[in-house]
Amino acid sequence: MVVFLLHILIMVGPPGSGKSMMAKRLPSILPPLTLEESLETTKIHSVSGMMPDGISLITQRPFRSPHHTISSVALCGGGSNPKPGEISLAHNGVLFLDELPEFSRDVLEVMRQPLEDRKICVARANYKVEYPAGIMFVASMNPCPCGYYNHPTKACTCSPGQVQRYLNKISGPLLDRIDLQIEITPVPFEEISKTAPGEPSAVIRERVVAARKIQEERYKNEKGIYCNAQMTPKLIAKYAVLDETSLAMLKTAMARFDLSARAYDRILKVARTIADLDNSENIQFQHIAEAIGYRNLDRGSWGT
């Protein structure tokens, strides 16, 4: 549920484990669009000629899922007659890239700047434009070429080298910008066959909205900051203070997994969000432990 507060997520798991289904459910759990967000989103789609027929105001968060054959221009925008790309069309909503390693390297690398700055600058010989890119970026991928690495019942036919080469299609700088790296395992038959209904989206959304209200109140005096994912290093030092036990655990994780300074900041942002969902004023040991646990692909043992 942490991802529903504008953090960046990649799900790694075998075919049929539910990665795409979970991504498509995200808009139903996100907080409703504010009037300002609705007007901003409507402007972008109107300029792009993408407004649905008979609708004058977009009131639901966008969900964009481009095919892996998309070009970098179609993703980031531009062209001879400049128009926003898929990144901007997903502004205030979700951009979902299914089977992430199948996208071209050029397309993936253009994601780095908008994920960091929440805007995208397109400069050409005869023009320069800037488009908004306040997106929740969600991606999914198989763990290996055959798709069954770490599967509980099916054997993987890939060699360790093949697994590592497949994962290396996602560059280190891009992976470093992803807050949550989660391994998805297939749901066993006993769970699928249960008739008891699961938790409805409306109930989850209430918890998400409550956590967002906590964050809005926290940052009400910080210009342009509305949620934990937007915290600057200065705000992290102010609002994501750790006790000695949590700090020692984070220090050990940083050294063991050889994490970067950017990964350090992102762990603290995620831990702050987990604490908000737990209605805790301070980040506690279990919150930082959970945030570290979401860095699966940073672990040197993955894929070996």
Protein backbone atom coordinates (compact mmCIF):
# COMPACT_ATOMS: atom_id res chain seq x y z
CA MET A 1 0.00 0.00 0.00
CA VAL A 2 3.04 2.28 0.34
CA VAL A 3 3.19 2.74 -3.42
CA PHE A 4 -0.21 4.44 -3.40
CA LEU A 5 1.44 7.54 -1.97
CA LEU A 6 3.37 8.44 -5.14
CA HIS A 7 6.41 6.24 -4.62
CA ILE A 8 7.98 4.39 -7.55
CA LEU A 9 7.47 0.63 -7.81
CA ILE A 10 8.82 -2.29 -9.79
CA MET A 11 7.26 -5.75 -9.40
CA VAL A 12 9.34 -8.81 -10.27
CA GLY A 13 7.64 -12.16 -10.61
CA PRO A 14 6.79 -15.08 -12.91
CA PRO A 15 4.00 -15.00 -15.51
CA GLY A 16 0.52 -15.19 -14.00
CA SER A 17 1.52 -13.97 -10.53
CA GLY A 18 -0.79 -10.95 -10.76
CA LYS A 19 1.63 -8.09 -11.49
CA SER A 20 -0.45 -6.47 -14.26
CA MET A 21 -3.71 -6.98 -12.38
CA MET A 22 -2.38 -5.19 -9.30
CA ALA A 23 -1.04 -2.31 -11.37
CA LYS A 24 -4.41 -1.81 -13.09
CA ARG A 25 -6.16 -1.64 -9.71
CA LEU A 26 -4.05 1.29 -8.53
CA PRO A 27 -6.32 4.13 -9.75
CA SER A 28 -9.22 2.76 -7.68
CA ILE A 29 -7.15 3.02 -4.51
CA LEU A 30 -5.47 6.37 -5.10
CA PRO A 31 -6.97 9.51 -3.51
CA PRO A 32 -9.52 11.31 -5.74
CA LEU A 33 -8.26 14.12 -7.95
CA THR A 34 -8.48 17.58 -6.44
CA LEU A 35 -10.06 20.32 -8.55
CA GLU A 36 -6.63 21.77 -9.31
CA GLU A 37 -5.27 18.36 -10.37
CA SER A 38 -8.38 17.71 -12.45
CA LEU A 39 -8.00 21.01 -14.34
CA GLU A 40 -4.28 20.41 -14.89
CA THR A 41 -4.87 16.88 -16.19
CA THR A 42 -7.66 18.09 -18.48
CA LYS A 43 -5.38 20.75 -20.00
CA ILE A 44 -2.70 18.18 -20.85
CA HIS A 45 -5.14 15.80 -22.52
CA SER A 46 -6.86 18.65 -24.34
CA VAL A 47 -3.57 19.94 -25.80
CA SER A 48 -2.74 16.39 -26.90
CA GLY A 49 -6.15 15.89 -28.54
CA MET A 50 -6.77 12.95 -26.19
CA MET A 51 -9.94 14.16 -24.46
CA PRO A 52 -12.65 11.48 -24.47
CA ASP A 53 -15.80 12.35 -26.39
CA GLY A 54 -18.51 14.04 -24.33
CA ILE A 55 -16.19 14.76 -21.37
CA SER A 56 -15.15 18.32 -20.55
CA LEU A 57 -13.34 17.64 -17.26
CA ILE A 58 -11.23 14.62 -16.30
CA THR A 59 -12.19 13.49 -12.81
CA GLN A 60 -10.37 10.14 -12.58
CA ARG A 61 -6.63 9.66 -12.27
CA PRO A 62 -5.04 8.69 -15.61
CA PHE A 63 -3.68 5.20 -16.14
CA ARG A 64 -1.33 4.92 -19.11
CA SER A 65 0.18 1.61 -20.22
CA PRO A 66 2.16 2.06 -23.46
CA HIS A 67 3.40 -0.95 -25.48
CA HIS A 68 7.06 -1.87 -25.19
CA THR A 69 7.64 -0.86 -28.83
CA ILE A 70 6.99 2.82 -27.99
CA SER A 71 9.61 5.35 -29.11
CA SER A 72 11.38 7.79 -26.80
CA VAL A 73 9.59 10.71 -28.54
CA ALA A 74 6.17 9.14 -27.96
CA LEU A 75 7.08 8.56 -24.32
CA CYS A 76 8.56 11.94 -23.42
CA GLY A 77 6.81 14.17 -25.98
CA GLY A 78 7.99 16.48 -28.74
CA GLY A 79 7.80 15.91 -32.49
CA SER A 80 7.52 18.38 -35.38
CA ASN A 81 4.29 19.67 -33.83
CA PRO A 82 5.20 19.40 -30.11
CA LYS A 83 2.77 17.43 -27.99
CA PRO A 84 2.99 15.86 -24.53
CA GLY A 85 4.05 12.21 -24.46
CA GLU A 86 2.84 9.28 -22.39
CA ILE A 87 4.76 10.46 -19.33
CA SER A 88 2.83 13.74 -19.26
CA LEU A 89 -0.48 12.10 -20.18
CA ALA A 90 -0.03 10.06 -16.97
CA HIS A 91 0.52 13.26 -14.91
CA ASN A 92 -1.37 13.02 -11.58
CA GLY A 93 -1.91 9.33 -12.30
CA VAL A 94 -0.10 6.06 -13.05
CA LEU A 95 2.37 5.24 -15.83
CA PHE A 96 2.64 1.46 -16.08
CA LEU A 97 5.39 -0.20 -18.13
CA ASP A 98 4.70 -3.93 -18.41
CA GLU A 99 7.68 -6.22 -19.15
CA LEU A 100 10.18 -3.45 -18.47
CA PRO A 101 13.29 -5.17 -19.96
CA GLU A 102 11.51 -5.43 -23.33
CA PHE A 103 11.54 -1.63 -23.74
CA SER A 104 14.49 -0.24 -25.66
CA ARG A 105 17.43 1.10 -23.66
CA ASP A 106 16.93 4.61 -25.08
CA VAL A 107 13.30 4.66 -23.93
CA LEU A 108 14.18 3.53 -20.42
CA GLU A 109 16.98 6.04 -20.00
CA VAL A 110 14.75 9.03 -20.82
CA MET A 111 12.75 8.09 -17.71
CA ARG A 112 15.59 9.09 -15.39
CA GLN A 113 15.18 12.88 -15.51
CA PRO A 114 11.36 13.04 -15.15
CA LEU A 115 11.41 10.54 -12.26
CA GLU A 116 13.85 12.80 -10.44
CA ASP A 117 12.45 16.24 -11.31
CA ARG A 118 8.73 15.43 -11.87
CA LYS A 119 8.86 17.39 -15.12
CA ILE A 120 10.30 16.71 -18.55
CA CYS A 121 12.19 19.20 -20.73
CA VAL A 122 12.22 18.62 -24.48
CA ALA A 123 14.78 20.71 -26.40
CA ARG A 124 15.02 20.68 -30.18
CA ALA A 125 16.72 22.94 -32.73
CA ASN A 126 13.69 25.22 -33.14
CA TYR A 127 11.89 24.92 -29.82
CA LYS A 128 12.15 24.09 -26.13
CA VAL A 129 9.14 22.97 -24.11
CA GLU A 130 8.58 21.74 -20.59
CA TYR A 131 5.84 19.26 -19.70
CA PRO A 132 4.67 18.17 -16.23
CA ALA A 133 5.52 14.63 -15.16
CA GLY A 134 4.15 14.18 -11.64
CA ILE A 135 3.54 10.48 -12.13
CA MET A 136 3.42 7.33 -10.08
CA PHE A 137 5.75 5.10 -12.09
CA VAL A 138 4.93 1.39 -11.85
CA ALA A 139 6.75 -1.34 -13.77
CA SER A 140 6.66 -5.11 -13.94
CA MET A 141 9.08 -7.70 -15.23
CA ASN A 142 9.86 -11.39 -15.21
CA PRO A 143 12.85 -12.39 -13.08
CA CYS A 144 14.61 -14.12 -16.00
CA PRO A 145 14.16 -14.95 -19.72
CA CYS A 146 12.11 -18.10 -19.03
CA GLY A 147 10.18 -16.33 -16.28
CA TYR A 148 10.52 -18.88 -13.48
CA TYR A 149 13.60 -17.90 -11.49
CA ASN A 150 12.79 -18.31 -7.75
CA HIS A 151 9.42 -19.91 -8.61
CA PRO A 152 8.25 -22.16 -5.74
CA THR A 153 7.18 -25.09 -7.97
CA LYS A 154 8.50 -24.62 -11.53
CA ALA A 155 12.17 -25.03 -12.35
CA CYS A 156 14.06 -22.20 -14.04
CA THR A 157 15.89 -23.24 -17.22
CA CYS A 158 18.17 -20.17 -17.32
CA SER A 159 21.81 -20.10 -16.28
CA PRO A 160 22.95 -17.56 -13.66
CA GLY A 161 24.62 -15.59 -16.45
CA GLN A 162 21.38 -15.41 -18.45
CA VAL A 163 19.46 -14.22 -15.38
CA GLN A 164 22.03 -11.51 -14.67
CA ARG A 165 22.14 -10.33 -18.30
CA TYR A 166 18.34 -10.07 -18.31
CA LEU A 167 18.34 -7.98 -15.13
CA ASN A 168 21.15 -5.82 -16.51
CA LYS A 169 18.77 -4.52 -19.18
CA ILE A 170 17.60 -2.20 -16.40
CA SER A 171 20.48 0.21 -15.83
CA GLY A 172 21.82 0.89 -12.36
CA PRO A 173 20.96 4.63 -12.43
CA LEU A 174 17.33 3.86 -13.35
CA LEU A 175 17.03 1.09 -10.75
CA ASP A 176 18.50 3.44 -8.15
CA ARG A 177 15.53 5.79 -8.66
CA ILE A 178 12.95 3.09 -7.90
CA ASP A 179 11.71 3.25 -4.31
CA LEU A 180 10.16 -0.20 -4.01
CA GLN A 181 11.55 -3.32 -5.67
CA ILE A 182 9.17 -6.13 -4.80
CA GLU A 183 9.23 -9.81 -5.64
CA ILE A 184 5.76 -11.17 -6.44
CA THR A 185 5.18 -14.88 -5.87
CA PRO A 186 2.30 -16.88 -7.41
CA VAL A 187 -0.81 -17.27 -5.29
CA PRO A 188 -1.27 -20.92 -4.22
CA PHE A 189 -4.44 -22.76 -5.21
CA GLU A 190 -5.69 -22.79 -1.63
CA GLU A 191 -5.75 -18.98 -1.62
CA ILE A 192 -7.25 -18.64 -5.12
CA SER A 193 -10.09 -21.03 -4.29
CA LYS A 194 -11.13 -19.21 -1.10
CA THR A 195 -14.65 -17.82 -1.32
CA ALA A 196 -14.18 -15.23 1.42
CA PRO A 197 -14.10 -11.73 -0.13
CA GLY A 198 -10.89 -9.73 0.15
CA GLU A 199 -10.54 -6.22 1.47
CA PRO A 200 -12.43 -3.83 -0.85
CA SER A 201 -10.63 -1.00 -2.61
CA ALA A 202 -12.77 1.60 -0.84
CA VAL A 203 -11.42 0.52 2.56
CA ILE A 204 -7.81 0.64 1.36
CA ARG A 205 -8.43 4.04 -0.21
CA GLU A 206 -9.61 5.39 3.16
CA ARG A 207 -6.26 4.48 4.73
CA VAL A 208 -4.39 6.01 1.80
CA VAL A 209 -6.40 9.24 2.03
CA ALA A 210 -5.80 9.41 5.79
CA ALA A 211 -2.04 9.05 5.27
CA ARG A 212 -2.10 11.71 2.54
CA LYS A 213 -3.88 14.12 4.90
CA ILE A 214 -1.14 13.58 7.47
CA GLN A 215 1.45 14.45 4.83
CA GLU A 216 -0.43 17.49 3.55
CA GLU A 217 -0.62 18.84 7.07
CA ARG A 218 3.10 18.15 7.62
CA TYR A 219 4.15 20.02 4.48
CA LYS A 220 1.55 22.81 4.51
CA ASN A 221 4.30 25.41 4.92
CA GLU A 222 6.64 23.79 2.36
CA LYS A 223 6.07 25.25 -1.10
CA GLY A 224 5.48 22.64 -3.80
CA ILE A 225 5.72 19.69 -1.38
CA TYR A 226 2.58 17.64 -0.77
CA CYS A 227 3.77 14.11 0.04
CA ASN A 228 6.79 12.21 1.35
CA ALA A 229 7.94 11.19 -2.12
CA GLN A 230 8.62 14.86 -2.91
CA MET A 231 10.84 15.50 0.12
CA THR A 232 14.17 17.23 -0.49
CA PRO A 233 17.30 16.14 1.43
CA LYS A 234 16.73 19.07 3.80
CA LEU A 235 13.18 17.92 4.55
CA ILE A 236 14.33 14.32 4.95
CA ALA A 237 16.74 15.46 7.65
CA LYS A 238 13.86 17.31 9.33
CA TYR A 239 10.98 14.81 9.08
CA ALA A 240 12.68 11.39 8.75
CA VAL A 241 14.79 11.29 11.90
CA LEU A 242 15.86 7.82 13.06
CA ASP A 243 16.63 6.53 16.52
CA GLU A 244 20.00 4.90 17.20
CA THR A 245 18.76 1.33 16.64
CA SER A 246 17.13 2.14 13.30
CA LEU A 247 20.14 4.16 12.19
CA ALA A 248 22.49 1.28 12.98
CA MET A 249 20.35 -1.14 10.96
CA LEU A 250 20.24 1.24 8.00
CA LYS A 251 24.02 1.69 8.19
CA THR A 252 24.47 -2.09 8.08
CA ALA A 253 22.13 -2.39 5.08
CA MET A 254 23.91 0.41 3.24
CA ALA A 255 27.26 -1.34 3.65
CA ARG A 256 25.99 -4.87 2.94
CA PHE A 257 24.08 -4.00 -0.24
CA ASP A 258 26.46 -1.20 -1.31
CA LEU A 259 23.59 1.28 -1.61
CA SER A 260 23.97 4.80 -2.99
CA ALA A 261 23.11 8.10 -1.32
CA ARG A 262 19.98 8.26 -3.50
CA ALA A 263 18.90 4.82 -2.24
CA TYR A 264 19.47 6.05 1.32
CA ASP A 265 17.12 8.99 0.76
CA ARG A 266 14.49 6.79 -0.86
CA ILE A 267 14.55 4.28 2.00
CA LEU A 268 13.91 7.11 4.44
CA LYS A 269 11.03 8.47 2.33
CA VAL A 270 9.41 5.04 2.18
CA ALA A 271 9.94 4.51 5.92
CA ARG A 272 8.27 7.88 6.61
CA THR A 273 5.28 6.78 4.52
CA ILE A 274 5.06 3.41 6.29
CA ALA A 275 5.05 5.27 9.62
CA ASP A 276 2.24 7.53 8.36
CA LEU A 277 0.17 4.52 7.33
CA ASP A 278 0.80 3.13 10.80
CA ASN A 279 -0.32 6.49 12.25
CA SER A 280 3.05 6.82 13.96
CA GLU A 281 4.57 10.26 14.55
CA ASN A 282 8.12 8.89 14.51
CA ILE A 283 9.84 6.35 12.26
CA GLN A 284 10.33 3.19 14.28
CA PHE A 285 12.59 0.16 13.89
CA GLN A 286 9.97 -1.94 12.09
CA HIS A 287 9.25 0.87 9.61
CA ILE A 288 12.87 1.19 8.51
CA ALA A 289 13.20 -2.61 8.38
CA GLU A 290 10.20 -2.85 6.04
CA ALA A 291 11.55 -0.07 3.82
CA ILE A 292 14.92 -1.84 3.50
CA GLY A 293 13.06 -5.06 2.64
CA TYR A 294 11.61 -3.35 -0.42
CA ARG A 295 15.06 -3.06 -2.05
CA ASN A 296 15.11 -6.64 -3.40
CA LEU A 297 17.05 -5.96 -6.60
CA ASP A 298 19.82 -4.14 -4.73
CA ARG A 299 20.86 -7.37 -3.09
CA GLY A 300 23.98 -8.91 -4.56
CA SER A 301 22.58 -12.43 -4.20
CA TRP A 302 19.67 -11.74 -6.57
CA GLY A 303 20.04 -13.65 -9.82
CA THR A 304 23.04 -15.73 -8.68
